[in-house]
N, C-alpha and C. Protein backbone atom coordinates (compact mmCIF):
# COMPACT_ATOMS: atom_id res chain seq x y z
N MET A 1 -145.34 -29.27 -32.01
CA MET A 1 -144.34 -29.47 -33.09
C MET A 1 -143.55 -30.71 -32.47
N VAL A 2 -143.46 -32.01 -33.46
CA VAL A 2 -142.39 -33.44 -33.08
C VAL A 2 -141.14 -33.01 -32.65
N ALA A 3 -140.70 -32.89 -32.15
CA ALA A 3 -139.04 -33.28 -32.50
C ALA A 3 -138.51 -34.07 -33.13
N GLY A 4 -137.44 -34.25 -33.99
CA GLY A 4 -136.94 -35.55 -34.68
C GLY A 4 -135.68 -35.10 -34.54
N LEU A 5 -134.89 -36.02 -35.45
CA LEU A 5 -133.13 -36.65 -35.26
C LEU A 5 -133.35 -35.18 -36.39
N LYS A 6 -133.90 -34.84 -37.76
CA LYS A 6 -133.37 -33.25 -38.34
C LYS A 6 -133.42 -32.41 -37.63
N THR A 7 -134.33 -32.23 -36.53
CA THR A 7 -134.31 -31.00 -35.96
C THR A 7 -133.12 -31.09 -34.51
N VAL A 8 -132.34 -31.52 -34.87
CA VAL A 8 -131.35 -32.22 -33.41
C VAL A 8 -130.17 -31.85 -34.30
N ILE A 9 -129.87 -32.88 -35.01
CA ILE A 9 -128.79 -32.42 -36.60
C ILE A 9 -128.70 -31.27 -37.08
N LEU A 10 -130.14 -30.59 -37.49
CA LEU A 10 -129.54 -28.94 -37.53
C LEU A 10 -129.30 -28.10 -36.61
N LEU A 11 -129.48 -28.29 -35.32
CA LEU A 11 -129.69 -27.61 -34.25
C LEU A 11 -128.22 -26.96 -33.76
N SER A 12 -127.63 -28.59 -33.88
CA SER A 12 -125.99 -28.69 -33.30
C SER A 12 -125.59 -28.22 -34.60
N PHE A 13 -125.45 -28.06 -35.75
CA PHE A 13 -124.94 -28.07 -36.94
C PHE A 13 -124.93 -26.69 -36.80
N VAL A 14 -125.77 -25.73 -36.38
CA VAL A 14 -125.78 -23.84 -36.22
C VAL A 14 -124.63 -24.22 -35.19
N LEU A 15 -125.07 -24.82 -34.13
CA LEU A 15 -124.06 -24.25 -33.27
C LEU A 15 -122.76 -24.40 -33.21
N ALA A 16 -122.62 -25.64 -33.75
CA ALA A 16 -121.01 -25.49 -34.28
C ALA A 16 -120.49 -25.25 -35.33
N VAL A 17 -121.40 -24.13 -36.56
CA VAL A 17 -121.10 -23.09 -36.69
C VAL A 17 -121.13 -22.12 -35.56
N GLY A 18 -121.30 -21.95 -34.79
CA GLY A 18 -121.24 -20.59 -34.61
C GLY A 18 -120.41 -20.69 -33.93
N PHE A 19 -119.73 -21.76 -32.57
CA PHE A 19 -118.94 -21.86 -32.01
C PHE A 19 -117.30 -21.46 -32.87
N LEU A 20 -117.46 -21.50 -34.44
CA LEU A 20 -116.75 -22.47 -34.97
C LEU A 20 -116.18 -21.01 -35.95
N LEU A 21 -116.98 -20.05 -35.73
CA LEU A 21 -116.72 -18.32 -36.16
C LEU A 21 -116.50 -18.42 -34.27
N ILE A 22 -117.05 -17.93 -33.20
CA ILE A 22 -116.18 -17.83 -32.28
C ILE A 22 -115.10 -17.56 -32.39
N ILE A 23 -114.44 -19.02 -32.58
CA ILE A 23 -112.87 -19.52 -32.28
C ILE A 23 -111.89 -18.90 -33.30
N LEU A 24 -112.79 -18.76 -34.85
CA LEU A 24 -111.88 -18.39 -35.50
C LEU A 24 -111.95 -16.61 -35.36
N SER A 25 -112.77 -16.12 -34.55
CA SER A 25 -112.28 -14.76 -34.84
C SER A 25 -111.35 -14.55 -33.74
N CYS A 26 -111.23 -15.43 -32.64
CA CYS A 26 -110.36 -15.31 -32.04
C CYS A 26 -108.81 -15.99 -33.08
N ALA A 27 -109.09 -17.03 -33.33
CA ALA A 27 -107.71 -17.74 -33.85
C ALA A 27 -107.15 -17.21 -35.20
N LEU A 28 -107.70 -15.96 -35.90
CA LEU A 28 -107.36 -15.75 -36.83
C LEU A 28 -106.66 -14.17 -36.06
N TRP A 29 -106.70 -13.98 -35.12
CA TRP A 29 -105.83 -12.06 -35.29
C TRP A 29 -105.34 -12.73 -34.02
N ALA A 30 -104.93 -13.76 -33.21
CA ALA A 30 -104.37 -14.47 -32.54
C ALA A 30 -104.79 -13.66 -30.94
N ASN A 31 -106.24 -13.56 -31.20
CA ASN A 31 -106.10 -12.28 -29.60
C ASN A 31 -107.80 -13.30 -28.81
N TRP A 32 -107.46 -14.26 -27.75
CA TRP A 32 -108.15 -14.68 -27.24
C TRP A 32 -109.54 -14.09 -26.76
N LEU A 33 -109.67 -12.82 -26.06
CA LEU A 33 -110.67 -11.66 -25.47
C LEU A 33 -111.57 -11.97 -26.73
N PRO A 34 -112.76 -12.32 -28.04
CA PRO A 34 -113.44 -12.68 -28.98
C PRO A 34 -114.49 -13.98 -27.74
N LEU A 35 -113.75 -14.86 -27.75
CA LEU A 35 -113.99 -15.94 -26.73
C LEU A 35 -114.80 -15.66 -25.69
N LEU A 36 -114.53 -14.94 -25.16
CA LEU A 36 -116.05 -14.37 -23.48
C LEU A 36 -117.18 -14.39 -24.23
N VAL A 37 -117.57 -13.88 -25.26
CA VAL A 37 -118.62 -13.62 -26.09
C VAL A 37 -118.75 -15.01 -25.81
N ALA A 38 -118.38 -16.47 -26.03
CA ALA A 38 -118.76 -17.79 -26.06
C ALA A 38 -119.89 -18.00 -24.74
N LEU A 39 -118.86 -17.33 -23.91
CA LEU A 39 -119.09 -17.33 -22.65
C LEU A 39 -120.86 -16.85 -21.79
N THR A 40 -120.92 -15.16 -22.62
CA THR A 40 -121.71 -14.59 -22.19
C THR A 40 -122.67 -15.39 -22.98
N PHE A 41 -122.88 -15.91 -23.85
CA PHE A 41 -124.58 -16.63 -24.71
C PHE A 41 -124.97 -17.65 -23.93
N VAL A 42 -123.98 -18.14 -23.61
CA VAL A 42 -124.21 -19.98 -22.34
C VAL A 42 -125.00 -20.02 -21.48
N LEU A 43 -124.24 -18.34 -21.04
CA LEU A 43 -124.73 -18.06 -19.83
C LEU A 43 -126.50 -17.28 -19.96
N ALA A 44 -126.38 -16.61 -20.80
CA ALA A 44 -127.30 -16.10 -21.17
C ALA A 44 -128.90 -16.36 -20.64
N PRO A 45 -129.08 -17.81 -21.08
CA PRO A 45 -130.91 -18.47 -20.25
C PRO A 45 -130.58 -18.74 -19.35
N LEU A 46 -129.52 -18.45 -18.53
CA LEU A 46 -129.56 -18.99 -17.11
C LEU A 46 -130.42 -18.56 -15.72
N PRO A 47 -130.66 -17.28 -16.06
CA PRO A 47 -131.36 -16.83 -15.55
C PRO A 47 -132.92 -16.52 -15.37
N ASN A 48 -133.06 -16.75 -16.79
CA ASN A 48 -133.90 -17.60 -17.02
C ASN A 48 -134.52 -18.31 -17.09
N ALA A 49 -134.13 -19.41 -17.38
CA ALA A 49 -134.13 -21.13 -16.51
C ALA A 49 -134.52 -21.38 -14.73
N LEU A 50 -133.50 -20.17 -14.33
CA LEU A 50 -133.41 -19.87 -12.60
C LEU A 50 -135.14 -19.62 -12.06
N PHE A 51 -135.57 -18.69 -12.91
CA PHE A 51 -136.72 -17.77 -12.53
C PHE A 51 -137.75 -18.86 -12.67
N ALA A 52 -137.52 -19.15 -14.01
CA ALA A 52 -138.90 -19.15 -14.69
C ALA A 52 -140.20 -20.47 -13.32
N HIS A 53 -139.37 -21.01 -12.79
CA HIS A 53 -139.98 -21.54 -11.79
C HIS A 53 -140.51 -20.87 -10.36
N CYS A 54 -140.20 -19.93 -10.02
CA CYS A 54 -140.64 -18.82 -9.14
C CYS A 54 -141.98 -18.46 -9.52
N GLY A 55 -142.79 -18.67 -10.67
CA GLY A 55 -143.90 -17.50 -10.79
C GLY A 55 -145.15 -18.60 -9.92
N GLY A 56 -146.16 -18.14 -10.08
CA GLY A 56 -147.37 -18.75 -8.92
C GLY A 56 -147.94 -19.74 -9.84
N ASP A 57 -148.34 -20.02 -9.18
CA ASP A 57 -149.39 -21.46 -9.55
C ASP A 57 -150.71 -20.35 -10.30
N GLU A 58 -151.59 -21.69 -10.86
CA GLU A 58 -152.60 -20.72 -11.49
C GLU A 58 -153.57 -20.03 -11.30
N PHE A 59 -153.79 -20.65 -9.67
CA PHE A 59 -155.01 -19.38 -8.93
C PHE A 59 -154.29 -18.55 -8.55
N SER A 60 -153.07 -17.92 -8.26
CA SER A 60 -152.56 -17.19 -7.98
C SER A 60 -152.91 -15.99 -7.97
N SER A 61 -152.54 -15.64 -9.80
CA SER A 61 -153.17 -14.22 -10.26
C SER A 61 -153.31 -14.57 -11.80
N SER A 62 -153.37 -13.71 -12.65
CA SER A 62 -154.17 -13.88 -13.99
C SER A 62 -153.78 -13.87 -14.59
N ASP A 63 -151.96 -12.81 -14.79
CA ASP A 63 -151.15 -12.82 -15.49
C ASP A 63 -150.07 -13.86 -15.82
N GLY A 64 -149.85 -14.34 -14.66
CA GLY A 64 -148.67 -15.41 -14.06
C GLY A 64 -147.58 -15.21 -14.37
N ALA A 65 -147.01 -13.82 -14.62
CA ALA A 65 -146.17 -12.89 -14.57
C ALA A 65 -145.79 -12.67 -13.69
N THR A 66 -144.71 -12.65 -12.44
CA THR A 66 -144.38 -12.63 -10.85
C THR A 66 -142.72 -11.64 -11.30
N ALA A 67 -143.13 -11.54 -10.07
CA ALA A 67 -141.51 -9.92 -10.27
C ALA A 67 -140.20 -11.22 -10.33
N ALA A 68 -139.98 -12.44 -9.56
CA ALA A 68 -139.30 -13.27 -9.73
C ALA A 68 -138.80 -13.48 -11.73
N VAL A 69 -139.51 -13.78 -11.68
CA VAL A 69 -139.96 -14.03 -13.67
C VAL A 69 -139.15 -12.71 -14.63
N ASP A 70 -139.89 -11.72 -14.26
CA ASP A 70 -139.91 -10.60 -14.79
C ASP A 70 -137.70 -10.38 -14.15
N LEU A 71 -137.41 -10.54 -12.93
CA LEU A 71 -136.35 -9.52 -12.70
C LEU A 71 -134.86 -11.46 -13.36
N GLY A 72 -135.40 -12.37 -14.21
CA GLY A 72 -134.98 -13.77 -14.65
C GLY A 72 -135.10 -12.55 -16.46
N ARG A 73 -135.48 -12.48 -16.49
CA ARG A 73 -136.00 -11.93 -18.07
C ARG A 73 -134.86 -10.40 -17.90
N PHE A 74 -134.94 -9.68 -16.69
CA PHE A 74 -134.22 -8.28 -16.97
C PHE A 74 -132.81 -8.74 -16.65
N LEU A 75 -132.57 -9.89 -15.96
CA LEU A 75 -130.87 -10.50 -16.04
C LEU A 75 -130.44 -11.30 -17.63
N THR A 76 -131.51 -12.06 -17.74
CA THR A 76 -131.00 -12.00 -19.54
C THR A 76 -130.70 -11.31 -20.33
N SER A 77 -131.82 -10.21 -19.95
CA SER A 77 -131.78 -9.01 -21.45
C SER A 77 -129.92 -8.55 -21.39
N ILE A 78 -130.17 -8.11 -19.94
CA ILE A 78 -128.78 -7.89 -19.75
C ILE A 78 -127.21 -8.62 -20.43
N VAL A 79 -127.59 -9.86 -19.80
CA VAL A 79 -126.71 -11.15 -20.42
C VAL A 79 -126.56 -10.96 -21.88
N VAL A 80 -126.98 -11.25 -22.50
CA VAL A 80 -127.80 -10.96 -23.82
C VAL A 80 -127.61 -9.49 -24.62
N VAL A 81 -127.08 -8.14 -23.84
CA VAL A 81 -126.93 -6.77 -24.61
C VAL A 81 -125.25 -7.05 -24.28
N THR A 82 -124.65 -7.37 -23.60
CA THR A 82 -123.53 -7.29 -23.21
C THR A 82 -122.96 -8.44 -23.80
N GLY A 83 -123.36 -9.41 -24.80
CA GLY A 83 -122.59 -10.48 -25.19
C GLY A 83 -122.86 -9.41 -26.66
N PHE A 84 -123.74 -8.71 -27.13
CA PHE A 84 -123.48 -8.40 -28.49
C PHE A 84 -122.53 -6.47 -28.82
N ALA A 85 -122.74 -6.65 -27.20
CA ALA A 85 -121.95 -5.03 -26.69
C ALA A 85 -120.15 -5.34 -27.08
N PHE A 86 -120.12 -6.49 -26.11
CA PHE A 86 -118.38 -6.66 -25.59
C PHE A 86 -117.64 -6.80 -26.54
N PRO A 87 -118.25 -7.71 -27.62
CA PRO A 87 -117.36 -7.00 -28.83
C PRO A 87 -116.93 -5.23 -29.63
N ILE A 88 -118.13 -4.82 -29.39
CA ILE A 88 -118.28 -3.33 -29.86
C ILE A 88 -116.74 -2.41 -29.16
N VAL A 89 -117.46 -2.89 -28.17
CA VAL A 89 -116.44 -2.11 -27.05
C VAL A 89 -114.56 -2.42 -27.20
N LEU A 90 -114.58 -3.37 -27.74
CA LEU A 90 -112.99 -3.86 -27.63
C LEU A 90 -112.85 -3.66 -28.79
N THR A 91 -113.86 -3.80 -30.05
CA THR A 91 -112.71 -3.18 -31.19
C THR A 91 -112.93 -1.79 -31.44
N HIS A 92 -114.08 -0.62 -30.41
CA HIS A 92 -113.92 0.95 -30.24
C HIS A 92 -112.72 0.98 -29.95
N SER A 93 -112.22 0.40 -28.64
CA SER A 93 -110.55 0.56 -27.77
C SER A 93 -109.50 -0.47 -28.69
N GLU A 94 -109.61 -0.85 -30.11
CA GLU A 94 -108.61 -1.32 -30.92
C GLU A 94 -108.15 -2.35 -29.77
N VAL A 95 -108.62 -3.22 -28.99
CA VAL A 95 -108.01 -4.42 -28.88
C VAL A 95 -108.36 -5.58 -29.61
N VAL A 96 -109.50 -5.56 -30.47
CA VAL A 96 -109.46 -6.47 -31.73
C VAL A 96 -109.87 -6.22 -32.43
N LYS A 97 -110.05 -6.46 -33.57
CA LYS A 97 -109.43 -6.17 -35.25
C LYS A 97 -111.57 -6.43 -35.10
N PRO A 98 -111.86 -5.28 -36.36
CA PRO A 98 -113.23 -4.92 -36.52
C PRO A 98 -113.72 -6.34 -37.53
N GLY A 99 -112.39 -7.14 -38.02
CA GLY A 99 -113.58 -8.81 -38.62
C GLY A 99 -113.93 -9.85 -37.72
N ALA A 100 -112.50 -9.92 -36.49
CA ALA A 100 -113.06 -10.16 -35.30
C ALA A 100 -114.25 -9.72 -34.91
N CYS A 101 -115.17 -8.57 -34.60
CA CYS A 101 -115.24 -8.38 -33.75
C CYS A 101 -116.96 -8.95 -35.46
N VAL A 102 -117.18 -8.41 -36.07
CA VAL A 102 -118.22 -9.16 -37.07
C VAL A 102 -118.67 -10.25 -36.57
N MET A 103 -117.32 -11.55 -36.71
CA MET A 103 -117.05 -12.82 -36.44
C MET A 103 -117.77 -13.20 -35.01
N SER A 104 -116.86 -12.66 -34.56
CA SER A 104 -117.78 -12.76 -33.01
C SER A 104 -119.45 -12.78 -32.69
N ILE A 105 -119.69 -10.95 -33.00
CA ILE A 105 -121.14 -11.03 -33.08
C ILE A 105 -122.02 -12.73 -33.45
N ILE A 106 -121.69 -12.92 -35.65
CA ILE A 106 -122.60 -13.33 -36.05
C ILE A 106 -121.98 -14.36 -34.85
N GLY A 107 -120.85 -14.52 -34.21
CA GLY A 107 -120.88 -16.70 -34.04
C GLY A 107 -121.87 -16.24 -32.60
N GLY A 108 -121.63 -15.62 -32.01
CA GLY A 108 -122.43 -15.42 -30.23
C GLY A 108 -124.32 -14.83 -30.80
N GLY A 109 -124.54 -14.81 -31.60
CA GLY A 109 -126.19 -14.46 -32.82
C GLY A 109 -126.76 -15.21 -32.35
N LEU A 110 -126.16 -16.97 -33.73
CA LEU A 110 -125.76 -17.98 -33.69
C LEU A 110 -126.25 -19.33 -32.82
N VAL A 111 -125.16 -18.81 -31.86
CA VAL A 111 -125.17 -19.95 -30.48
C VAL A 111 -126.26 -19.11 -29.65
N TYR A 112 -126.29 -17.90 -29.09
CA TYR A 112 -127.68 -18.12 -28.13
C TYR A 112 -128.71 -18.14 -29.10
N GLY A 113 -128.78 -17.85 -30.36
CA GLY A 113 -130.14 -18.22 -31.50
C GLY A 113 -130.40 -19.79 -31.05
N THR A 114 -129.39 -20.69 -31.38
CA THR A 114 -129.54 -22.24 -31.38
C THR A 114 -130.37 -22.55 -29.64
N ILE A 115 -129.46 -22.26 -28.49
CA ILE A 115 -130.14 -21.97 -27.15
C ILE A 115 -131.60 -21.60 -27.12
N LEU A 116 -131.82 -21.20 -28.03
CA LEU A 116 -133.57 -20.36 -27.31
C LEU A 116 -134.46 -21.08 -28.85
N ALA A 117 -133.54 -21.82 -29.73
CA ALA A 117 -134.01 -22.56 -30.30
C ALA A 117 -134.37 -23.98 -29.78
N TYR A 118 -133.36 -24.46 -29.51
CA TYR A 118 -132.82 -25.86 -29.10
C TYR A 118 -134.81 -25.64 -27.26
N SER A 119 -134.59 -24.72 -26.43
CA SER A 119 -135.88 -24.37 -25.57
C SER A 119 -136.82 -24.60 -25.90
N ALA A 120 -137.08 -23.85 -26.83
CA ALA A 120 -138.67 -23.67 -27.43
C ALA A 120 -138.93 -25.43 -28.63
N VAL A 121 -138.16 -25.62 -28.92
CA VAL A 121 -138.29 -27.11 -29.78
C VAL A 121 -138.99 -27.87 -28.31
N PHE A 122 -137.40 -28.01 -27.41
CA PHE A 122 -138.21 -29.55 -26.83
C PHE A 122 -138.91 -29.14 -25.51
N ARG A 123 -139.54 -27.82 -25.30
CA ARG A 123 -140.44 -27.38 -24.28
C ARG A 123 -140.68 -28.54 -23.71
N GLN A 124 -141.36 -29.38 -22.92
CA GLN A 124 -142.66 -29.52 -22.43
C GLN A 124 -143.61 -28.83 -22.68
N GLY A 125 -144.80 -28.93 -23.11
CA GLY A 125 -145.44 -28.61 -23.34
C GLY A 125 -147.31 -28.54 -21.75
N ASP A 126 -147.48 -27.91 -21.96
CA ASP A 126 -147.63 -27.81 -20.24
C ASP A 126 -149.86 -28.78 -20.52
N GLU A 127 -149.88 -28.30 -22.04
CA GLU A 127 -151.26 -28.66 -22.58
C GLU A 127 -151.76 -30.30 -22.27
N TYR A 128 -152.55 -30.40 -21.80
CA TYR A 128 -153.47 -31.64 -21.09
C TYR A 128 -154.05 -32.33 -21.98
N ASP A 129 -153.21 -33.37 -23.51
CA ASP A 129 -153.58 -33.75 -24.26
C ASP A 129 -153.99 -35.45 -24.06
């Protein structure tokens, strides 16, 4: 799939809506702790990106996944679960309002989904065309 200008515009729009929801969840209730969710979801793909290049070459094993790649996926899943659970914990402890929690979770999901979609669309293929 060739990524065109429409794809870039759509992904940037969804990313902007995600950040808008996160910032509104902070500003409407005058509590800036849900802003940490944005930081969490922006940093979530970092372990995957760092450990993805630690895999072996095509001659080393048949499955292709090494312990370093699995560690990167595990660390990424920890950060993603933290990003979804952090607003819930803050709401349960009555630090933030439930509306801010919902907006923060939806915005964080949009931000992380956009990062995943961007990396999937603009990934350089390994095919030799």
